[in-house]
Amino acid sequence: MPLRRLASWFVIVAAAAVCGVRPRPVPQKLEATLAALPVDTTDAGDEVADEVITIDWRLLSTLDVRTGAPGDSLRKLVGRRVRVPGFIVPLEDFQDRAKEFLLVPYFGACVHLPPPPPNQLVYVKMRGTTPLSWWAPVWVEGVLRVITVKSIYGSAGFQMDGERITLYKERG
């Protein structure tokens, strides 16, 4: 089993080396495959709940990894609905559907040692099982919490109650 895991991550690292680690446009074929992502089930009458704040990894990095204290700007977003870009790292081999996964800032982030620091890992727990794309960049929306969650790939400094996943597209 460890040999199988090593082989699968070797393929991912090789693909990252060939393709680079920046988010790239999603191929049309993959976009069609992932078109059936979960819909947001938030109560439409609640205007505050409908507000989704887009954040980036620079803001998440303001979490002090020694003390676990969030920076001032980050503290204001804890418990709110946010949207974060990144790549999915399944917590089991060869998953195409999952309820739990890690969100990382760049492709292949958890396949090397040491893993990224806790302020660069978000443990996501979706409301239901969702299709996963661990080759393409995505936006993950949900309620952000500052909670340490340990996994086989490292300790995440954040937990997100995931509500929706959409394919990443650059603004332009």
N, C-alpha and C. Protein backbone atom coordinates (compact mmCIF):
# COMPACT_ATOMS: atom_id res chain seq x y z
N MET A 1 0.81 -1.20 0.00
CA MET A 1 0.00 0.00 0.00
C MET A 1 0.86 1.26 0.00
N PRO A 2 1.91 1.37 0.84
CA PRO A 2 2.73 2.58 0.78
C PRO A 2 3.37 2.79 -0.59
N LEU A 3 3.72 1.70 -1.27
CA LEU A 3 4.32 1.81 -2.60
C LEU A 3 3.31 2.39 -3.59
N ARG A 4 2.05 2.00 -3.46
CA ARG A 4 1.00 2.53 -4.33
C ARG A 4 0.82 4.03 -4.10
N ARG A 5 0.83 4.45 -2.84
CA ARG A 5 0.69 5.87 -2.51
C ARG A 5 1.87 6.66 -3.06
N LEU A 6 3.07 6.12 -2.89
CA LEU A 6 4.27 6.78 -3.39
C LEU A 6 4.21 6.94 -4.90
N ALA A 7 3.76 5.89 -5.59
CA ALA A 7 3.66 5.96 -7.05
C ALA A 7 2.64 7.01 -7.49
N SER A 8 1.50 7.07 -6.79
CA SER A 8 0.48 8.05 -7.19
C SER A 8 0.99 9.48 -6.97
N TRP A 9 1.69 9.73 -5.89
CA TRP A 9 2.20 11.08 -5.64
C TRP A 9 3.37 11.41 -6.56
N PHE A 10 4.12 10.41 -6.99
CA PHE A 10 5.18 10.66 -7.96
C PHE A 10 4.57 11.19 -9.26
N VAL A 11 3.44 10.61 -9.67
CA VAL A 11 2.76 11.07 -10.88
C VAL A 11 2.30 12.52 -10.71
N ILE A 12 1.78 12.86 -9.54
CA ILE A 12 1.31 14.22 -9.29
C ILE A 12 2.47 15.20 -9.31
N VAL A 13 3.57 14.85 -8.66
CA VAL A 13 4.74 15.74 -8.64
C VAL A 13 5.30 15.91 -10.04
N ALA A 14 5.35 14.84 -10.81
CA ALA A 14 5.84 14.94 -12.19
C ALA A 14 4.95 15.85 -13.02
N ALA A 15 3.64 15.71 -12.85
CA ALA A 15 2.71 16.57 -13.58
C ALA A 15 2.88 18.03 -13.17
N ALA A 16 3.11 18.26 -11.89
CA ALA A 16 3.32 19.64 -11.41
C ALA A 16 4.59 20.23 -12.01
N ALA A 17 5.62 19.43 -12.11
CA ALA A 17 6.87 19.90 -12.68
C ALA A 17 6.71 20.27 -14.15
N VAL A 18 5.95 19.45 -14.88
CA VAL A 18 5.74 19.69 -16.31
C VAL A 18 4.82 20.88 -16.54
N CYS A 19 3.73 20.95 -15.75
CA CYS A 19 2.70 21.98 -15.97
C CYS A 19 2.93 23.26 -15.20
N GLY A 20 3.84 23.26 -14.26
CA GLY A 20 4.01 24.43 -13.39
C GLY A 20 3.02 24.36 -12.26
N VAL A 21 3.14 25.27 -11.31
CA VAL A 21 2.26 25.23 -10.15
C VAL A 21 1.26 26.39 -10.12
N ARG A 22 1.26 27.27 -11.11
CA ARG A 22 0.28 28.34 -11.16
C ARG A 22 -1.05 27.80 -11.66
N PRO A 23 -2.16 28.31 -11.16
CA PRO A 23 -3.45 27.90 -11.71
C PRO A 23 -3.51 28.22 -13.20
N ARG A 24 -3.97 27.30 -13.96
CA ARG A 24 -4.08 27.49 -15.40
C ARG A 24 -5.55 27.36 -15.80
N PRO A 25 -5.94 27.87 -16.96
CA PRO A 25 -7.32 27.70 -17.40
C PRO A 25 -7.68 26.22 -17.44
N VAL A 26 -8.91 25.93 -17.10
CA VAL A 26 -9.38 24.56 -17.05
C VAL A 26 -9.73 24.09 -18.46
N PRO A 27 -9.24 22.90 -18.87
CA PRO A 27 -9.59 22.38 -20.19
C PRO A 27 -11.11 22.20 -20.31
N GLN A 28 -11.66 22.43 -21.50
CA GLN A 28 -13.10 22.32 -21.74
C GLN A 28 -13.64 20.95 -21.32
N LYS A 29 -12.90 19.89 -21.62
CA LYS A 29 -13.36 18.53 -21.29
C LYS A 29 -13.51 18.37 -19.78
N LEU A 30 -12.56 18.86 -19.00
CA LEU A 30 -12.61 18.77 -17.55
C LEU A 30 -13.73 19.64 -17.01
N GLU A 31 -13.92 20.82 -17.60
CA GLU A 31 -14.98 21.71 -17.15
C GLU A 31 -16.35 21.04 -17.31
N ALA A 32 -16.56 20.33 -18.41
CA ALA A 32 -17.82 19.63 -18.62
C ALA A 32 -17.99 18.50 -17.60
N THR A 33 -16.91 17.82 -17.26
CA THR A 33 -16.96 16.73 -16.29
C THR A 33 -17.35 17.23 -14.91
N LEU A 34 -16.89 18.42 -14.55
CA LEU A 34 -17.13 18.96 -13.21
C LEU A 34 -18.33 19.89 -13.14
N ALA A 35 -19.15 19.93 -14.17
CA ALA A 35 -20.27 20.86 -14.21
C ALA A 35 -21.31 20.58 -13.13
N ALA A 36 -21.37 19.38 -12.61
CA ALA A 36 -22.39 19.01 -11.63
C ALA A 36 -21.90 19.15 -10.20
N LEU A 37 -21.32 20.29 -9.87
CA LEU A 37 -20.87 20.53 -8.50
C LEU A 37 -22.05 20.95 -7.63
N PRO A 38 -21.96 20.77 -6.30
CA PRO A 38 -23.09 21.08 -5.41
C PRO A 38 -23.52 22.54 -5.50
N VAL A 39 -24.79 22.76 -5.29
CA VAL A 39 -25.30 24.13 -5.29
C VAL A 39 -25.36 24.65 -3.87
N ASP A 40 -25.34 25.97 -3.74
CA ASP A 40 -25.41 26.61 -2.43
C ASP A 40 -26.83 26.48 -1.89
N THR A 41 -26.96 25.95 -0.66
CA THR A 41 -28.28 25.75 -0.08
C THR A 41 -28.56 26.75 1.04
N THR A 42 -27.83 27.85 1.09
CA THR A 42 -28.05 28.87 2.11
C THR A 42 -29.42 29.49 1.93
N ASP A 43 -30.08 29.83 3.02
CA ASP A 43 -31.39 30.47 2.99
C ASP A 43 -31.29 31.78 2.22
N ALA A 44 -32.00 31.88 1.11
CA ALA A 44 -31.90 33.05 0.24
C ALA A 44 -32.42 34.32 0.91
N GLY A 45 -33.24 34.22 1.95
CA GLY A 45 -33.77 35.38 2.61
C GLY A 45 -32.79 36.05 3.56
N ASP A 46 -31.70 35.41 3.88
CA ASP A 46 -30.74 35.94 4.83
C ASP A 46 -29.63 36.65 4.07
N GLU A 47 -29.67 37.99 4.00
CA GLU A 47 -28.70 38.75 3.22
C GLU A 47 -27.29 38.62 3.76
N VAL A 48 -27.12 38.57 5.08
CA VAL A 48 -25.79 38.44 5.66
C VAL A 48 -25.19 37.09 5.31
N ALA A 49 -26.00 36.03 5.35
CA ALA A 49 -25.50 34.69 5.03
C ALA A 49 -25.11 34.57 3.56
N ASP A 50 -25.76 35.35 2.69
CA ASP A 50 -25.47 35.28 1.27
C ASP A 50 -24.14 35.96 0.91
N GLU A 51 -23.64 36.83 1.77
CA GLU A 51 -22.40 37.53 1.49
C GLU A 51 -21.22 36.56 1.60
N VAL A 52 -20.49 36.42 0.50
CA VAL A 52 -19.30 35.57 0.48
C VAL A 52 -18.11 36.48 0.24
N ILE A 53 -17.13 36.43 1.13
CA ILE A 53 -15.96 37.29 1.05
C ILE A 53 -14.81 36.51 0.43
N THR A 54 -14.25 37.02 -0.66
CA THR A 54 -13.12 36.37 -1.31
C THR A 54 -11.85 36.73 -0.55
N ILE A 55 -11.11 35.70 -0.14
CA ILE A 55 -9.83 35.92 0.55
C ILE A 55 -8.73 35.15 -0.18
N ASP A 56 -7.49 35.47 0.16
CA ASP A 56 -6.38 34.78 -0.48
C ASP A 56 -5.43 34.21 0.57
N TRP A 57 -4.41 33.54 0.11
CA TRP A 57 -3.48 32.85 1.00
C TRP A 57 -2.60 33.81 1.78
N ARG A 58 -2.41 35.03 1.28
CA ARG A 58 -1.65 36.01 2.06
C ARG A 58 -2.37 36.36 3.35
N LEU A 59 -3.70 36.49 3.27
CA LEU A 59 -4.49 36.77 4.47
C LEU A 59 -4.45 35.57 5.43
N LEU A 60 -4.57 34.36 4.89
CA LEU A 60 -4.51 33.17 5.74
C LEU A 60 -3.15 33.03 6.42
N SER A 61 -2.10 33.52 5.76
CA SER A 61 -0.75 33.40 6.33
C SER A 61 -0.55 34.31 7.54
N THR A 62 -1.52 35.18 7.84
CA THR A 62 -1.39 36.03 9.03
C THR A 62 -1.71 35.26 10.31
N LEU A 63 -2.11 34.00 10.18
CA LEU A 63 -2.29 33.15 11.37
C LEU A 63 -0.91 32.83 11.92
N ASP A 64 -0.66 33.17 13.18
CA ASP A 64 0.62 32.90 13.83
C ASP A 64 0.71 31.39 14.09
N VAL A 65 1.64 30.72 13.42
CA VAL A 65 1.72 29.26 13.54
C VAL A 65 2.20 28.81 14.91
N ARG A 66 2.89 29.67 15.66
CA ARG A 66 3.34 29.30 17.02
C ARG A 66 2.23 29.41 18.05
N THR A 67 1.46 30.50 17.97
CA THR A 67 0.42 30.73 18.99
C THR A 67 -0.97 30.32 18.53
N GLY A 68 -1.18 30.22 17.22
CA GLY A 68 -2.51 29.92 16.68
C GLY A 68 -3.43 31.13 16.65
N ALA A 69 -2.88 32.32 16.91
CA ALA A 69 -3.68 33.55 16.92
C ALA A 69 -3.77 34.13 15.52
N PRO A 70 -4.99 34.43 15.06
CA PRO A 70 -5.13 35.06 13.74
C PRO A 70 -4.80 36.54 13.80
N GLY A 71 -4.33 37.09 12.66
CA GLY A 71 -4.09 38.53 12.55
C GLY A 71 -5.42 39.27 12.63
N ASP A 72 -5.38 40.58 12.79
CA ASP A 72 -6.60 41.39 12.97
C ASP A 72 -7.58 41.23 11.81
N SER A 73 -7.11 41.32 10.57
CA SER A 73 -8.00 41.20 9.41
C SER A 73 -8.60 39.80 9.33
N LEU A 74 -7.80 38.80 9.61
CA LEU A 74 -8.27 37.42 9.57
C LEU A 74 -9.29 37.16 10.68
N ARG A 75 -9.06 37.71 11.85
CA ARG A 75 -9.96 37.50 12.99
C ARG A 75 -11.38 37.96 12.65
N LYS A 76 -11.50 39.03 11.87
CA LYS A 76 -12.82 39.56 11.50
C LYS A 76 -13.58 38.61 10.58
N LEU A 77 -12.87 37.70 9.92
CA LEU A 77 -13.52 36.79 8.96
C LEU A 77 -13.83 35.41 9.54
N VAL A 78 -13.32 35.12 10.72
CA VAL A 78 -13.56 33.82 11.34
C VAL A 78 -15.05 33.69 11.64
N GLY A 79 -15.63 32.57 11.23
CA GLY A 79 -17.05 32.33 11.41
C GLY A 79 -17.92 32.89 10.30
N ARG A 80 -17.31 33.51 9.30
CA ARG A 80 -18.05 34.08 8.17
C ARG A 80 -17.87 33.22 6.93
N ARG A 81 -18.75 33.43 5.95
CA ARG A 81 -18.64 32.70 4.68
C ARG A 81 -17.57 33.36 3.84
N VAL A 82 -16.60 32.55 3.41
CA VAL A 82 -15.50 33.04 2.59
C VAL A 82 -15.35 32.16 1.36
N ARG A 83 -14.56 32.67 0.43
CA ARG A 83 -14.23 31.93 -0.80
C ARG A 83 -12.71 31.98 -0.93
N VAL A 84 -12.09 30.79 -1.06
CA VAL A 84 -10.63 30.68 -1.12
C VAL A 84 -10.25 29.88 -2.36
N PRO A 85 -9.26 30.36 -3.15
CA PRO A 85 -8.80 29.57 -4.30
C PRO A 85 -7.76 28.56 -3.84
N GLY A 86 -7.62 27.49 -4.59
CA GLY A 86 -6.56 26.53 -4.25
C GLY A 86 -6.72 25.23 -5.00
N PHE A 87 -5.95 24.25 -4.52
CA PHE A 87 -5.97 22.91 -5.09
C PHE A 87 -6.41 21.93 -4.03
N ILE A 88 -7.12 20.91 -4.45
CA ILE A 88 -7.64 19.89 -3.53
C ILE A 88 -6.61 18.78 -3.37
N VAL A 89 -6.41 18.38 -2.11
CA VAL A 89 -5.59 17.21 -1.80
C VAL A 89 -6.51 16.21 -1.12
N PRO A 90 -6.89 15.12 -1.81
CA PRO A 90 -7.76 14.13 -1.18
C PRO A 90 -7.04 13.46 -0.02
N LEU A 91 -7.79 13.10 0.99
CA LEU A 91 -7.19 12.46 2.16
C LEU A 91 -7.10 10.94 2.00
N GLU A 92 -7.59 10.41 0.89
CA GLU A 92 -7.44 9.00 0.56
C GLU A 92 -6.96 8.91 -0.89
N ASP A 93 -6.30 7.81 -1.23
CA ASP A 93 -5.77 7.63 -2.58
C ASP A 93 -6.88 7.54 -3.62
N PHE A 94 -6.65 8.18 -4.76
CA PHE A 94 -7.47 8.06 -5.96
C PHE A 94 -8.95 8.34 -5.72
N GLN A 95 -9.23 9.37 -4.99
CA GLN A 95 -10.62 9.74 -4.74
C GLN A 95 -11.14 10.60 -5.87
N ASP A 96 -12.39 10.36 -6.26
CA ASP A 96 -13.04 11.26 -7.21
C ASP A 96 -14.27 11.91 -6.57
N ARG A 97 -14.65 11.44 -5.39
CA ARG A 97 -15.73 12.03 -4.60
C ARG A 97 -15.31 11.98 -3.14
N ALA A 98 -15.63 13.02 -2.40
CA ALA A 98 -15.23 13.01 -0.99
C ALA A 98 -16.07 13.97 -0.19
N LYS A 99 -16.03 13.77 1.12
CA LYS A 99 -16.68 14.68 2.04
C LYS A 99 -15.64 15.55 2.76
N GLU A 100 -14.38 15.07 2.81
CA GLU A 100 -13.31 15.78 3.50
C GLU A 100 -12.06 15.79 2.64
N PHE A 101 -11.34 16.93 2.64
CA PHE A 101 -10.10 17.05 1.89
C PHE A 101 -9.32 18.26 2.40
N LEU A 102 -8.10 18.42 1.94
CA LEU A 102 -7.30 19.60 2.26
C LEU A 102 -7.31 20.54 1.06
N LEU A 103 -7.33 21.83 1.34
CA LEU A 103 -7.19 22.85 0.31
C LEU A 103 -5.82 23.48 0.51
N VAL A 104 -5.03 23.55 -0.55
CA VAL A 104 -3.66 24.06 -0.49
C VAL A 104 -3.48 25.15 -1.54
N PRO A 105 -2.48 26.04 -1.35
CA PRO A 105 -2.32 27.18 -2.26
C PRO A 105 -1.72 26.87 -3.62
N TYR A 106 -1.01 25.75 -3.75
CA TYR A 106 -0.40 25.42 -5.04
C TYR A 106 -0.41 23.91 -5.24
N PHE A 107 -0.37 23.52 -6.50
CA PHE A 107 -0.47 22.11 -6.86
C PHE A 107 0.69 21.31 -6.26
N GLY A 108 0.38 20.19 -5.66
CA GLY A 108 1.40 19.30 -5.12
C GLY A 108 1.94 19.74 -3.77
N ALA A 109 1.27 20.67 -3.09
CA ALA A 109 1.81 21.24 -1.85
C ALA A 109 2.04 20.21 -0.75
N CYS A 110 1.27 19.15 -0.69
CA CYS A 110 1.40 18.20 0.42
C CYS A 110 2.15 16.93 0.04
N VAL A 111 2.77 16.90 -1.12
CA VAL A 111 3.45 15.68 -1.53
C VAL A 111 4.93 15.68 -1.21
N HIS A 112 5.41 16.77 -0.67
CA HIS A 112 6.82 16.85 -0.34
C HIS A 112 6.97 16.99 1.17
N LEU A 113 8.18 16.83 1.64
CA LEU A 113 8.45 17.01 3.06
C LEU A 113 9.37 18.20 3.22
N PRO A 114 9.22 19.04 4.15
CA PRO A 114 8.10 19.06 5.10
C PRO A 114 6.84 19.60 4.44
N PRO A 115 5.68 19.35 5.06
CA PRO A 115 4.44 19.88 4.49
C PRO A 115 4.39 21.39 4.69
N PRO A 116 3.47 22.07 4.00
CA PRO A 116 3.31 23.51 4.21
C PRO A 116 2.97 23.79 5.67
N PRO A 117 3.21 25.01 6.14
CA PRO A 117 2.86 25.35 7.52
C PRO A 117 1.33 25.33 7.70
N PRO A 118 0.86 25.24 8.94
CA PRO A 118 -0.58 25.19 9.19
C PRO A 118 -1.37 26.36 8.62
N ASN A 119 -0.73 27.54 8.48
CA ASN A 119 -1.47 28.67 7.93
C ASN A 119 -1.57 28.62 6.39
N GLN A 120 -1.11 27.52 5.81
CA GLN A 120 -1.23 27.31 4.37
C GLN A 120 -1.97 26.01 4.05
N LEU A 121 -2.70 25.48 5.03
CA LEU A 121 -3.52 24.28 4.85
C LEU A 121 -4.91 24.54 5.43
N VAL A 122 -5.94 24.25 4.65
CA VAL A 122 -7.32 24.37 5.12
C VAL A 122 -7.96 22.99 5.02
N TYR A 123 -8.43 22.49 6.15
CA TYR A 123 -9.17 21.23 6.17
C TYR A 123 -10.62 21.57 5.85
N VAL A 124 -11.16 20.97 4.78
CA VAL A 124 -12.52 21.26 4.33
C VAL A 124 -13.40 20.04 4.57
N LYS A 125 -14.52 20.28 5.21
CA LYS A 125 -15.51 19.23 5.42
C LYS A 125 -16.79 19.70 4.73
N MET A 126 -17.15 19.04 3.62
CA MET A 126 -18.30 19.43 2.83
C MET A 126 -19.59 18.96 3.50
N ARG A 127 -20.69 19.62 3.16
CA ARG A 127 -22.01 19.23 3.69
C ARG A 127 -22.40 17.83 3.23
N GLY A 128 -22.05 17.50 2.03
CA GLY A 128 -22.33 16.18 1.47
C GLY A 128 -21.15 15.75 0.62
N THR A 129 -21.24 14.59 0.02
CA THR A 129 -20.17 14.11 -0.85
C THR A 129 -20.17 14.96 -2.11
N THR A 130 -18.97 15.31 -2.58
CA THR A 130 -18.86 16.18 -3.74
C THR A 130 -17.81 15.64 -4.71
N PRO A 131 -17.99 15.86 -6.03
CA PRO A 131 -16.95 15.46 -6.98
C PRO A 131 -15.68 16.27 -6.73
N LEU A 132 -14.54 15.63 -6.88
CA LEU A 132 -13.27 16.31 -6.66
C LEU A 132 -12.49 16.43 -7.95
N SER A 133 -11.79 17.53 -8.08
CA SER A 133 -10.83 17.71 -9.16
C SER A 133 -9.52 18.08 -8.50
N TRP A 134 -8.60 17.16 -8.42
CA TRP A 134 -7.35 17.50 -7.78
C TRP A 134 -6.28 17.85 -8.79
N TRP A 135 -6.66 18.02 -10.05
CA TRP A 135 -5.72 18.49 -11.07
C TRP A 135 -5.96 19.95 -11.42
N ALA A 136 -7.18 20.42 -11.22
CA ALA A 136 -7.54 21.78 -11.62
C ALA A 136 -7.72 22.67 -10.39
N PRO A 137 -7.38 23.94 -10.51
CA PRO A 137 -7.62 24.86 -9.39
C PRO A 137 -9.12 25.10 -9.21
N VAL A 138 -9.51 25.34 -7.97
CA VAL A 138 -10.93 25.54 -7.64
C VAL A 138 -11.09 26.70 -6.66
N TRP A 139 -12.31 27.17 -6.53
CA TRP A 139 -12.73 28.06 -5.46
C TRP A 139 -13.55 27.21 -4.51
N VAL A 140 -13.28 27.31 -3.21
CA VAL A 140 -14.08 26.62 -2.21
C VAL A 140 -14.73 27.67 -1.33
N GLU A 141 -16.06 27.56 -1.19
CA GLU A 141 -16.81 28.49 -0.35
C GLU A 141 -17.30 27.77 0.88
N GLY A 142 -17.29 28.49 2.01
CA GLY A 142 -17.81 27.93 3.24
C GLY A 142 -17.47 28.81 4.43
N VAL A 143 -17.84 28.33 5.60
CA VAL A 143 -17.60 29.06 6.84
C VAL A 143 -16.21 28.71 7.36
N LEU A 144 -15.40 29.74 7.59
CA LEU A 144 -14.01 29.56 8.01
C LEU A 144 -13.90 29.56 9.53
N ARG A 145 -13.09 28.63 10.04
CA ARG A 145 -12.81 28.54 11.48
C ARG A 145 -11.30 28.37 11.67
N VAL A 146 -10.79 28.91 12.78
CA VAL A 146 -9.39 28.71 13.12
C VAL A 146 -9.35 27.56 14.13
N ILE A 147 -9.09 26.38 13.60
CA ILE A 147 -9.04 25.15 14.40
C ILE A 147 -7.92 24.30 13.81
N THR A 148 -7.05 23.76 14.65
CA THR A 148 -6.00 22.88 14.16
C THR A 148 -6.58 21.49 13.91
N VAL A 149 -6.37 20.99 12.69
CA VAL A 149 -6.82 19.66 12.31
C VAL A 149 -5.62 18.90 11.78
N LYS A 150 -5.32 17.77 12.39
CA LYS A 150 -4.18 16.96 11.96
C LYS A 150 -4.63 15.95 10.92
N SER A 151 -3.78 15.77 9.91
CA SER A 151 -4.05 14.78 8.86
C SER A 151 -2.73 14.09 8.51
N ILE A 152 -2.82 13.11 7.62
CA ILE A 152 -1.61 12.39 7.21
C ILE A 152 -0.65 13.29 6.45
N TYR A 153 -1.13 14.43 5.94
CA TYR A 153 -0.29 15.34 5.16
C TYR A 153 0.18 16.56 5.93
N GLY A 154 -0.17 16.66 7.19
CA GLY A 154 0.26 17.79 8.00
C GLY A 154 -0.88 18.38 8.80
N SER A 155 -0.58 19.35 9.63
CA SER A 155 -1.58 20.02 10.45
C SER A 155 -2.13 21.24 9.74
N ALA A 156 -3.44 21.29 9.61
CA ALA A 156 -4.10 22.45 9.01
C ALA A 156 -4.46 23.43 10.12
N GLY A 157 -4.23 24.70 9.90
CA GLY A 157 -4.56 25.72 10.87
C GLY A 157 -6.00 26.19 10.78
N PHE A 158 -6.70 25.75 9.72
CA PHE A 158 -8.07 26.20 9.49
C PHE A 158 -8.97 25.01 9.18
N GLN A 159 -10.24 25.19 9.51
CA GLN A 159 -11.27 24.25 9.07
C GLN A 159 -12.32 25.08 8.35
N MET A 160 -12.83 24.53 7.27
CA MET A 160 -13.90 25.20 6.55
C MET A 160 -15.07 24.23 6.44
N ASP A 161 -16.26 24.71 6.81
CA ASP A 161 -17.48 23.95 6.58
C ASP A 161 -17.87 24.26 5.14
N GLY A 162 -17.44 23.38 4.22
CA GLY A 162 -17.61 23.64 2.80
C GLY A 162 -19.04 23.59 2.35
N GLU A 163 -19.41 24.57 1.52
CA GLU A 163 -20.76 24.65 0.96
C GLU A 163 -20.78 24.45 -0.54
N ARG A 164 -19.73 24.93 -1.21
CA ARG A 164 -19.74 24.87 -2.67
C ARG A 164 -18.32 24.89 -3.21
N ILE A 165 -18.11 24.17 -4.31
CA ILE A 165 -16.84 24.17 -5.03
C ILE A 165 -17.14 24.57 -6.47
N THR A 166 -16.37 25.52 -6.99
CA THR A 166 -16.49 25.90 -8.39
C THR A 166 -15.09 25.93 -9.01
N LEU A 167 -15.04 25.79 -10.30
CA LEU A 167 -13.75 25.82 -10.99
C LEU A 167 -13.16 27.22 -10.92
N TYR A 168 -11.86 27.30 -10.77
CA TYR A 168 -11.15 28.58 -10.69
C TYR A 168 -11.10 29.23 -12.06
N LYS A 169 -11.45 30.49 -12.09
CA LYS A 169 -11.29 31.28 -13.31
C LYS A 169 -10.73 32.61 -12.87
N GLU A 170 -9.69 33.06 -13.57
CA GLU A 170 -9.10 34.36 -13.25
C GLU A 170 -10.05 35.47 -13.62
N ARG A 171 -9.98 36.52 -12.82
CA ARG A 171 -10.77 37.70 -13.15
C ARG A 171 -10.11 38.39 -14.32
N GLY A 172 -10.87 38.95 -15.17
CA GLY A 172 -10.20 39.58 -16.28
C GLY A 172 -11.11 40.33 -17.11
